[in-house]
């Protein structure tokens, strides 16, 4: 559950900071896919970011932990992230 809380706080910081009042659609989709999809579906999202190879492996390592959260738990986390995004995009 510590991972989920950390993810929510980082998403909130990115979404609602003064410097970035509107969430980039790629970040919004990426956060949702990170929470809800299994590794196979999420790898496609990572490829859109064009980041260094070490970044991909680090994200997949964290994703492995996220996958251990039950589906209903991940759905609740995703609902909170979506609510934050909606609020920030107003």
PDB file of N, CA and C in Angstrom:
ATOM      1  N   UNK A   1       0.817  -1.198   0.000  1.00  0.00           N
ATOM      2  CA  UNK A   1       0.000   0.000   0.000  1.00  0.00           C
ATOM      3  C   UNK A   1       0.860   1.260   0.000  1.00  0.00           C
ATOM      4  N   UNK A   2       2.106   1.157   0.476  1.00  0.00           N
ATOM      5  CA  UNK A   2       2.998   2.314   0.456  1.00  0.00           C
ATOM      6  C   UNK A   2       3.275   2.744  -0.975  1.00  0.00           C
ATOM      7  N   UNK A   3       3.406   1.775  -1.875  1.00  0.00           N
ATOM      8  CA  UNK A   3       3.632   2.083  -3.277  1.00  0.00           C
ATOM      9  C   UNK A   3       2.453   2.860  -3.852  1.00  0.00           C
ATOM     10  N   UNK A   4       1.255   2.435  -3.527  1.00  0.00           N
ATOM     11  CA  UNK A   4       0.062   3.107  -4.035  1.00  0.00           C
ATOM     12  C   UNK A   4      -0.005   4.548  -3.543  1.00  0.00           C
ATOM     13  N   UNK A   5       0.291   4.760  -2.294  1.00  0.00           N
ATOM     14  CA  UNK A   5       0.276   6.112  -1.743  1.00  0.00           C
ATOM     15  C   UNK A   5       1.338   6.978  -2.407  1.00  0.00           C
ATOM     16  N   UNK A   6       2.512   6.423  -2.610  1.00  0.00           N
ATOM     17  CA  UNK A   6       3.582   7.165  -3.283  1.00  0.00           C
ATOM     18  C   UNK A   6       3.172   7.545  -4.693  1.00  0.00           C
ATOM     19  N   UNK A   7       2.573   6.599  -5.416  1.00  0.00           N
ATOM     20  CA  UNK A   7       2.119   6.869  -6.778  1.00  0.00           C
ATOM     21  C   UNK A   7       1.073   7.974  -6.798  1.00  0.00           C
ATOM     22  N   UNK A   8       0.150   7.935  -5.865  1.00  0.00           N
ATOM     23  CA  UNK A   8      -0.879   8.974  -5.802  1.00  0.00           C
ATOM     24  C   UNK A   8      -0.281  10.351  -5.518  1.00  0.00           C
ATOM     25  N   UNK A   9       0.674  10.406  -4.612  1.00  0.00           N
ATOM     26  CA  UNK A   9       1.284  11.695  -4.277  1.00  0.00           C
ATOM     27  C   UNK A   9       2.090  12.262  -5.438  1.00  0.00           C
ATOM     28  N   UNK A  10       2.815  11.408  -6.128  1.00  0.00           N
ATOM     29  CA  UNK A  10       3.585  11.871  -7.289  1.00  0.00           C
ATOM     30  C   UNK A  10       2.650  12.340  -8.387  1.00  0.00           C
ATOM     31  N   UNK A  11       1.577  11.588  -8.635  1.00  0.00           N
ATOM     32  CA  UNK A  11       0.604  11.984  -9.653  1.00  0.00           C
ATOM     33  C   UNK A  11      -0.038  13.315  -9.296  1.00  0.00           C
ATOM     34  N   UNK A  12      -0.393  13.485  -8.052  1.00  0.00           N
ATOM     35  CA  UNK A  12      -0.974  14.747  -7.603  1.00  0.00           C
ATOM     36  C   UNK A  12       0.008  15.899  -7.798  1.00  0.00           C
ATOM     37  N   UNK A  13       1.255  15.680  -7.458  1.00  0.00           N
ATOM     38  CA  UNK A  13       2.266  16.727  -7.620  1.00  0.00           C
ATOM     39  C   UNK A  13       2.441  17.094  -9.085  1.00  0.00           C
ATOM     40  N   UNK A  14       2.471  16.097  -9.956  1.00  0.00           N
ATOM     41  CA  UNK A  14       2.642  16.361 -11.382  1.00  0.00           C
ATOM     42  C   UNK A  14       1.411  17.008 -11.994  1.00  0.00           C
ATOM     43  N   UNK A  15       0.255  16.562 -11.553  1.00  0.00           N
ATOM     44  CA  UNK A  15      -0.989  17.040 -12.160  1.00  0.00           C
ATOM     45  C   UNK A  15      -1.381  18.440 -11.709  1.00  0.00           C
ATOM     46  N   UNK A  16      -1.159  18.749 -10.473  1.00  0.00           N
ATOM     47  CA  UNK A  16      -1.743  19.960  -9.913  1.00  0.00           C
ATOM     48  C   UNK A  16      -0.715  20.995  -9.474  1.00  0.00           C
ATOM     49  N   UNK A  17       0.477  20.907  -9.980  1.00  0.00           N
ATOM     50  CA  UNK A  17       1.458  21.933  -9.624  1.00  0.00           C
ATOM     51  C   UNK A  17       1.108  23.238 -10.328  1.00  0.00           C
ATOM     52  N   UNK A  18       1.607  24.343  -9.822  1.00  0.00           N
ATOM     53  CA  UNK A  18       1.346  25.643 -10.437  1.00  0.00           C
ATOM     54  C   UNK A  18       1.947  25.730 -11.831  1.00  0.00           C
ATOM     55  N   UNK A  19       3.048  25.051 -12.053  1.00  0.00           N
ATOM     56  CA  UNK A  19       3.721  25.110 -13.343  1.00  0.00           C
ATOM     57  C   UNK A  19       2.977  24.331 -14.416  1.00  0.00           C
ATOM     58  N   UNK A  20       2.184  23.377 -14.019  1.00  0.00           N
ATOM     59  CA  UNK A  20       1.493  22.527 -14.982  1.00  0.00           C
ATOM     60  C   UNK A  20       0.078  22.289 -14.501  1.00  0.00           C
ATOM     61  N   UNK A  21      -0.815  23.203 -14.816  1.00  0.00           N
ATOM     62  CA  UNK A  21      -2.175  23.106 -14.313  1.00  0.00           C
ATOM     63  C   UNK A  21      -3.016  22.105 -15.093  1.00  0.00           C
ATOM     64  N   UNK A  22      -2.584  21.755 -16.309  1.00  0.00           N
ATOM     65  CA  UNK A  22      -3.335  20.804 -17.106  1.00  0.00           C
ATOM     66  C   UNK A  22      -2.484  19.572 -17.369  1.00  0.00           C
ATOM     67  N   UNK A  23      -3.095  18.418 -17.231  1.00  0.00           N
ATOM     68  CA  UNK A  23      -2.372  17.159 -17.369  1.00  0.00           C
ATOM     69  C   UNK A  23      -2.228  16.800 -18.841  1.00  0.00           C
ATOM     70  N   UNK A  24      -1.019  16.486 -19.229  1.00  0.00           N
ATOM     71  CA  UNK A  24      -0.740  16.030 -20.584  1.00  0.00           C
ATOM     72  C   UNK A  24      -1.471  14.704 -20.812  1.00  0.00           C
ATOM     73  N   UNK A  25      -2.154  14.532 -21.938  1.00  0.00           N
ATOM     74  CA  UNK A  25      -2.894  13.289 -22.179  1.00  0.00           C
ATOM     75  C   UNK A  25      -2.014  12.031 -22.125  1.00  0.00           C
ATOM     76  N   UNK A  26      -0.764  12.134 -22.546  1.00  0.00           N
ATOM     77  CA  UNK A  26       0.130  10.975 -22.503  1.00  0.00           C
ATOM     78  C   UNK A  26       0.403  10.566 -21.063  1.00  0.00           C
ATOM     79  N   UNK A  27       0.600  11.563 -20.184  1.00  0.00           N
ATOM     80  CA  UNK A  27       0.828  11.274 -18.765  1.00  0.00           C
ATOM     81  C   UNK A  27      -0.427  10.678 -18.147  1.00  0.00           C
ATOM     82  N   UNK A  28      -1.571  11.235 -18.497  1.00  0.00           N
ATOM     83  CA  UNK A  28      -2.834  10.734 -17.958  1.00  0.00           C
ATOM     84  C   UNK A  28      -3.057   9.273 -18.353  1.00  0.00           C
ATOM     85  N   UNK A  29      -2.888   8.946 -19.623  1.00  0.00           N
ATOM     86  CA  UNK A  29      -3.059   7.564 -20.082  1.00  0.00           C
ATOM     87  C   UNK A  29      -1.993   6.661 -19.474  1.00  0.00           C
ATOM     88  N   UNK A  30      -0.776   7.176 -19.393  1.00  0.00           N
ATOM     89  CA  UNK A  30       0.317   6.380 -18.841  1.00  0.00           C
ATOM     90  C   UNK A  30       0.081   6.002 -17.393  1.00  0.00           C
ATOM     91  N   UNK A  31      -0.406   6.943 -16.598  1.00  0.00           N
ATOM     92  CA  UNK A  31      -0.677   6.662 -15.186  1.00  0.00           C
ATOM     93  C   UNK A  31      -1.777   5.621 -15.045  1.00  0.00           C
ATOM     94  N   UNK A  32      -2.812   5.758 -15.845  1.00  0.00           N
ATOM     95  CA  UNK A  32      -3.914   4.804 -15.793  1.00  0.00           C
ATOM     96  C   UNK A  32      -3.455   3.411 -16.234  1.00  0.00           C
ATOM     97  N   UNK A  33      -2.682   3.360 -17.298  1.00  0.00           N
ATOM     98  CA  UNK A  33      -2.182   2.068 -17.775  1.00  0.00           C
ATOM     99  C   UNK A  33      -1.204   1.464 -16.782  1.00  0.00           C
ATOM    100  N   UNK A  34      -0.400   2.303 -16.141  1.00  0.00           N
ATOM    101  CA  UNK A  34       0.550   1.815 -15.149  1.00  0.00           C
ATOM    102  C   UNK A  34      -0.188   1.103 -14.021  1.00  0.00           C
ATOM    103  N   UNK A  35      -1.298   1.661 -13.614  1.00  0.00           N
ATOM    104  CA  UNK A  35      -2.060   1.096 -12.506  1.00  0.00           C
ATOM    105  C   UNK A  35      -2.857  -0.133 -12.940  1.00  0.00           C
ATOM    106  N   UNK A  36      -3.526  -0.056 -14.072  1.00  0.00           N
ATOM    107  CA  UNK A  36      -4.506  -1.078 -14.428  1.00  0.00           C
ATOM    108  C   UNK A  36      -3.977  -2.222 -15.296  1.00  0.00           C
ATOM    109  N   UNK A  37      -3.072  -1.959 -16.197  1.00  0.00           N
ATOM    110  CA  UNK A  37      -2.635  -2.994 -17.144  1.00  0.00           C
ATOM    111  C   UNK A  37      -1.572  -3.891 -16.535  1.00  0.00           C
ATOM    112  N   UNK A  38      -1.471  -5.074 -17.088  1.00  0.00           N
ATOM    113  CA  UNK A  38      -0.376  -5.974 -16.752  1.00  0.00           C
ATOM    114  C   UNK A  38       0.831  -5.556 -17.575  1.00  0.00           C
ATOM    115  N   UNK A  39       1.976  -6.140 -17.337  1.00  0.00           N
ATOM    116  CA  UNK A  39       3.220  -5.742 -18.002  1.00  0.00           C
ATOM    117  C   UNK A  39       3.117  -5.700 -19.513  1.00  0.00           C
ATOM    118  N   UNK A  40       2.499  -6.701 -20.116  1.00  0.00           N
ATOM    119  CA  UNK A  40       2.460  -6.779 -21.566  1.00  0.00           C
ATOM    120  C   UNK A  40       1.774  -5.559 -22.172  1.00  0.00           C
ATOM    121  N   UNK A  41       0.630  -5.162 -21.657  1.00  0.00           N
ATOM    122  CA  UNK A  41      -0.079  -3.994 -22.172  1.00  0.00           C
ATOM    123  C   UNK A  41       0.615  -2.695 -21.838  1.00  0.00           C
ATOM    124  N   UNK A  42       1.355  -2.686 -20.751  1.00  0.00           N
ATOM    125  CA  UNK A  42       2.010  -1.451 -20.316  1.00  0.00           C
ATOM    126  C   UNK A  42       3.282  -1.162 -21.106  1.00  0.00           C
ATOM    127  N   UNK A  43       3.937  -2.188 -21.637  1.00  0.00           N
ATOM    128  CA  UNK A  43       5.185  -1.984 -22.384  1.00  0.00           C
ATOM    129  C   UNK A  43       4.962  -1.094 -23.601  1.00  0.00           C
ATOM    130  N   UNK A  44       3.803  -1.180 -24.222  1.00  0.00           N
ATOM    131  CA  UNK A  44       3.480  -0.318 -25.365  1.00  0.00           C
ATOM    132  C   UNK A  44       3.485   1.154 -24.950  1.00  0.00           C
ATOM    133  N   UNK A  45       2.970   1.437 -23.778  1.00  0.00           N
ATOM    134  CA  UNK A  45       2.949   2.804 -23.265  1.00  0.00           C
ATOM    135  C   UNK A  45       4.370   3.308 -23.024  1.00  0.00           C
ATOM    136  N   UNK A  46       5.224   2.466 -22.495  1.00  0.00           N
ATOM    137  CA  UNK A  46       6.607   2.861 -22.234  1.00  0.00           C
ATOM    138  C   UNK A  46       7.340   3.239 -23.515  1.00  0.00           C
ATOM    139  N   UNK A  47       7.056   2.536 -24.583  1.00  0.00           N
ATOM    140  CA  UNK A  47       7.741   2.811 -25.841  1.00  0.00           C
ATOM    141  C   UNK A  47       7.429   4.206 -26.369  1.00  0.00           C
ATOM    142  N   UNK A  48       6.272   4.760 -26.014  1.00  0.00           N
ATOM    143  CA  UNK A  48       5.901   6.112 -26.457  1.00  0.00           C
ATOM    144  C   UNK A  48       6.785   7.174 -25.812  1.00  0.00           C
ATOM    145  N   UNK A  49       7.398   6.870 -24.666  1.00  0.00           N
ATOM    146  CA  UNK A  49       8.160   7.872 -23.923  1.00  0.00           C
ATOM    147  C   UNK A  49       9.564   8.112 -24.469  1.00  0.00           C
ATOM    148  N   UNK A  50      10.106   7.187 -25.234  1.00  0.00           N
ATOM    149  CA  UNK A  50      11.435   7.319 -25.828  1.00  0.00           C
ATOM    150  C   UNK A  50      12.487   7.688 -24.787  1.00  0.00           C
ATOM    151  N   UNK A  51      12.528   6.917 -23.731  1.00  0.00           N
ATOM    152  CA  UNK A  51      13.458   7.157 -22.626  1.00  0.00           C
ATOM    153  C   UNK A  51      14.630   6.175 -22.713  1.00  0.00           C
ATOM    154  N   UNK A  52      15.674   6.390 -21.904  1.00  0.00           N
ATOM    155  CA  UNK A  52      16.800   5.451 -21.881  1.00  0.00           C
ATOM    156  C   UNK A  52      16.365   4.053 -21.438  1.00  0.00           C
ATOM    157  N   UNK A  53      17.104   3.050 -21.877  1.00  0.00           N
ATOM    158  CA  UNK A  53      16.771   1.651 -21.583  1.00  0.00           C
ATOM    159  C   UNK A  53      16.703   1.380 -20.080  1.00  0.00           C
ATOM    160  N   UNK A  54      17.567   1.995 -19.303  1.00  0.00           N
ATOM    161  CA  UNK A  54      17.565   1.783 -17.847  1.00  0.00           C
ATOM    162  C   UNK A  54      16.248   2.264 -17.226  1.00  0.00           C
ATOM    163  N   UNK A  55      15.658   3.297 -17.810  1.00  0.00           N
ATOM    164  CA  UNK A  55      14.373   3.800 -17.335  1.00  0.00           C
ATOM    165  C   UNK A  55      13.294   2.723 -17.468  1.00  0.00           C
ATOM    166  N   UNK A  56      13.264   2.066 -18.632  1.00  0.00           N
ATOM    167  CA  UNK A  56      12.257   1.036 -18.861  1.00  0.00           C
ATOM    168  C   UNK A  56      12.337  -0.069 -17.817  1.00  0.00           C
ATOM    169  N   UNK A  57      13.557  -0.539 -17.554  1.00  0.00           N
ATOM    170  CA  UNK A  57      13.715  -1.626 -16.598  1.00  0.00           C
ATOM    171  C   UNK A  57      13.291  -1.191 -15.200  1.00  0.00           C
ATOM    172  N   UNK A  58      13.624   0.037 -14.811  1.00  0.00           N
ATOM    173  CA  UNK A  58      13.246   0.544 -13.490  1.00  0.00           C
ATOM    174  C   UNK A  58      11.719   0.620 -13.363  1.00  0.00           C
ATOM    175  N   UNK A  59      11.061   1.112 -14.395  1.00  0.00           N
ATOM    176  CA  UNK A  59       9.600   1.224 -14.365  1.00  0.00           C
ATOM    177  C   UNK A  59       8.969  -0.168 -14.303  1.00  0.00           C
ATOM    178  N   UNK A  60       9.495  -1.103 -15.066  1.00  0.00           N
ATOM    179  CA  UNK A  60       8.937  -2.456 -15.044  1.00  0.00           C
ATOM    180  C   UNK A  60       9.148  -3.137 -13.695  1.00  0.00           C
ATOM    181  N   UNK A  61      10.247  -2.800 -13.014  1.00  0.00           N
ATOM    182  CA  UNK A  61      10.469  -3.340 -11.670  1.00  0.00           C
ATOM    183  C   UNK A  61       9.402  -2.833 -10.699  1.00  0.00           C
ATOM    184  N   UNK A  62       9.101  -1.554 -10.783  1.00  0.00           N
ATOM    185  CA  UNK A  62       8.049  -0.985  -9.924  1.00  0.00           C
ATOM    186  C   UNK A  62       6.683  -1.538 -10.344  1.00  0.00           C
ATOM    187  N   UNK A  63       6.486  -1.709 -11.640  1.00  0.00           N
ATOM    188  CA  UNK A  63       5.224  -2.250 -12.156  1.00  0.00           C
ATOM    189  C   UNK A  63       4.980  -3.650 -11.607  1.00  0.00           C
ATOM    190  N   UNK A  64       6.041  -4.416 -11.427  1.00  0.00           N
ATOM    191  CA  UNK A  64       5.911  -5.754 -10.848  1.00  0.00           C
ATOM    192  C   UNK A  64       5.265  -5.670  -9.460  1.00  0.00           C
ATOM    193  N   UNK A  65       5.639  -4.670  -8.682  1.00  0.00           N
ATOM    194  CA  UNK A  65       5.038  -4.480  -7.353  1.00  0.00           C
ATOM    195  C   UNK A  65       3.573  -4.060  -7.476  1.00  0.00           C
ATOM    196  N   UNK A  66       3.275  -3.181  -8.426  1.00  0.00           N
ATOM    197  CA  UNK A  66       1.909  -2.718  -8.624  1.00  0.00           C
ATOM    198  C   UNK A  66       0.999  -3.878  -9.015  1.00  0.00           C
ATOM    199  N   UNK A  67       1.531  -4.792  -9.807  1.00  0.00           N
ATOM    200  CA  UNK A  67       0.733  -5.947 -10.237  1.00  0.00           C
ATOM    201  C   UNK A  67       0.318  -6.828  -9.066  1.00  0.00           C
ATOM    202  N   UNK A  68       1.027  -6.746  -7.957  1.00  0.00           N
ATOM    203  CA  UNK A  68       0.687  -7.580  -6.801  1.00  0.00           C
ATOM    204  C   UNK A  68      -0.528  -7.044  -6.030  1.00  0.00           C
ATOM    205  N   UNK A  69      -0.951  -5.832  -6.314  1.00  0.00           N
ATOM    206  CA  UNK A  69      -2.153  -5.264  -5.689  1.00  0.00           C
ATOM    207  C   UNK A  69      -3.369  -5.892  -6.366  1.00  0.00           C
ATOM    208  N   UNK A  70      -4.393  -6.215  -5.607  1.00  0.00           N
ATOM    209  CA  UNK A  70      -5.588  -6.829  -6.177  1.00  0.00           C
ATOM    210  C   UNK A  70      -6.224  -5.896  -7.215  1.00  0.00           C
ATOM    211  N   UNK A  71      -6.999  -6.483  -8.124  1.00  0.00           N
ATOM    212  CA  UNK A  71      -7.648  -5.686  -9.161  1.00  0.00           C
ATOM    213  C   UNK A  71      -8.552  -4.619  -8.546  1.00  0.00           C
ATOM    214  N   UNK A  72      -9.303  -4.991  -7.522  1.00  0.00           N
ATOM    215  CA  UNK A  72     -10.208  -4.011  -6.904  1.00  0.00           C
ATOM    216  C   UNK A  72      -9.417  -2.883  -6.247  1.00  0.00           C
ATOM    217  N   UNK A  73      -8.269  -3.202  -5.675  1.00  0.00           N
ATOM    218  CA  UNK A  73      -7.413  -2.164  -5.094  1.00  0.00           C
ATOM    219  C   UNK A  73      -6.847  -1.240  -6.154  1.00  0.00           C
ATOM    220  N   UNK A  74      -6.403  -1.832  -7.274  1.00  0.00           N
ATOM    221  CA  UNK A  74      -5.877  -1.005  -8.371  1.00  0.00           C
ATOM    222  C   UNK A  74      -6.978  -0.136  -8.969  1.00  0.00           C
ATOM    223  N   UNK A  75      -8.192  -0.666  -9.038  1.00  0.00           N
ATOM    224  CA  UNK A  75      -9.321   0.107  -9.569  1.00  0.00           C
ATOM    225  C   UNK A  75      -9.607   1.315  -8.671  1.00  0.00           C
ATOM    226  N   UNK A  76      -9.557   1.119  -7.367  1.00  0.00           N
ATOM    227  CA  UNK A  76      -9.778   2.234  -6.437  1.00  0.00           C
ATOM    228  C   UNK A  76      -8.697   3.304  -6.603  1.00  0.00           C
ATOM    229  N   UNK A  77      -7.452   2.864  -6.719  1.00  0.00           N
ATOM    230  CA  UNK A  77      -6.344   3.809  -6.922  1.00  0.00           C
ATOM    231  C   UNK A  77      -6.542   4.562  -8.225  1.00  0.00           C
ATOM    232  N   UNK A  78      -6.919   3.848  -9.278  1.00  0.00           N
ATOM    233  CA  UNK A  78      -7.144   4.484 -10.578  1.00  0.00           C
ATOM    234  C   UNK A  78      -8.275   5.501 -10.503  1.00  0.00           C
ATOM    235  N   UNK A  79      -9.319   5.199  -9.768  1.00  0.00           N
ATOM    236  CA  UNK A  79     -10.430   6.147  -9.619  1.00  0.00           C
ATOM    237  C   UNK A  79      -9.971   7.441  -8.952  1.00  0.00           C
ATOM    238  N   UNK A  80      -9.095   7.323  -7.956  1.00  0.00           N
ATOM    239  CA  UNK A  80      -8.572   8.513  -7.277  1.00  0.00           C
ATOM    240  C   UNK A  80      -7.707   9.324  -8.244  1.00  0.00           C
ATOM    241  N   UNK A  81      -6.859   8.651  -9.008  1.00  0.00           N
ATOM    242  CA  UNK A  81      -6.005   9.343  -9.984  1.00  0.00           C
ATOM    243  C   UNK A  81      -6.867  10.055 -11.018  1.00  0.00           C
ATOM    244  N   UNK A  82      -7.893   9.386 -11.526  1.00  0.00           N
ATOM    245  CA  UNK A  82      -8.785  10.016 -12.502  1.00  0.00           C
ATOM    246  C   UNK A  82      -9.497  11.224 -11.916  1.00  0.00           C
ATOM    247  N   UNK A  83      -9.917  11.141 -10.670  1.00  0.00           N
ATOM    248  CA  UNK A  83     -10.575  12.278 -10.022  1.00  0.00           C
ATOM    249  C   UNK A  83      -9.612  13.456  -9.887  1.00  0.00           C
ATOM    250  N   UNK A  84      -8.350  13.171  -9.553  1.00  0.00           N
ATOM    251  CA  UNK A  84      -7.349  14.245  -9.450  1.00  0.00           C
ATOM    252  C   UNK A  84      -7.107  14.895 -10.803  1.00  0.00           C
ATOM    253  N   UNK A  85      -7.011  14.061 -11.846  1.00  0.00           N
ATOM    254  CA  UNK A  85      -6.789  14.585 -13.198  1.00  0.00           C
ATOM    255  C   UNK A  85      -7.954  15.470 -13.613  1.00  0.00           C
ATOM    256  N   UNK A  86      -9.180  15.002 -13.376  1.00  0.00           N
ATOM    257  CA  UNK A  86     -10.362  15.803 -13.719  1.00  0.00           C
ATOM    258  C   UNK A  86     -10.350  17.138 -12.996  1.00  0.00           C
ATOM    259  N   UNK A  87     -10.001  17.116 -11.724  1.00  0.00           N
ATOM    260  CA  UNK A  87      -9.977  18.354 -10.944  1.00  0.00           C
ATOM    261  C   UNK A  87      -8.892  19.305 -11.465  1.00  0.00           C
ATOM    262  N   UNK A  88      -7.740  18.748 -11.806  1.00  0.00           N
ATOM    263  CA  UNK A  88      -6.625  19.579 -12.285  1.00  0.00           C
ATOM    264  C   UNK A  88      -6.883  20.143 -13.678  1.00  0.00           C
ATOM    265  N   UNK A  89      -7.654  19.447 -14.478  1.00  0.00           N
ATOM    266  CA  UNK A  89      -7.916  19.901 -15.845  1.00  0.00           C
ATOM    267  C   UNK A  89      -9.071  20.889 -15.955  1.00  0.00           C
ATOM    268  N   UNK A  90      -9.712  21.179 -14.851  1.00  0.00           N
ATOM    269  CA  UNK A  90     -10.830  22.155 -14.887  1.00  0.00           C
ATOM    270  C   UNK A  90     -10.325  23.550 -15.067  1.00  0.00           C
TER     271      UNK A  90
END
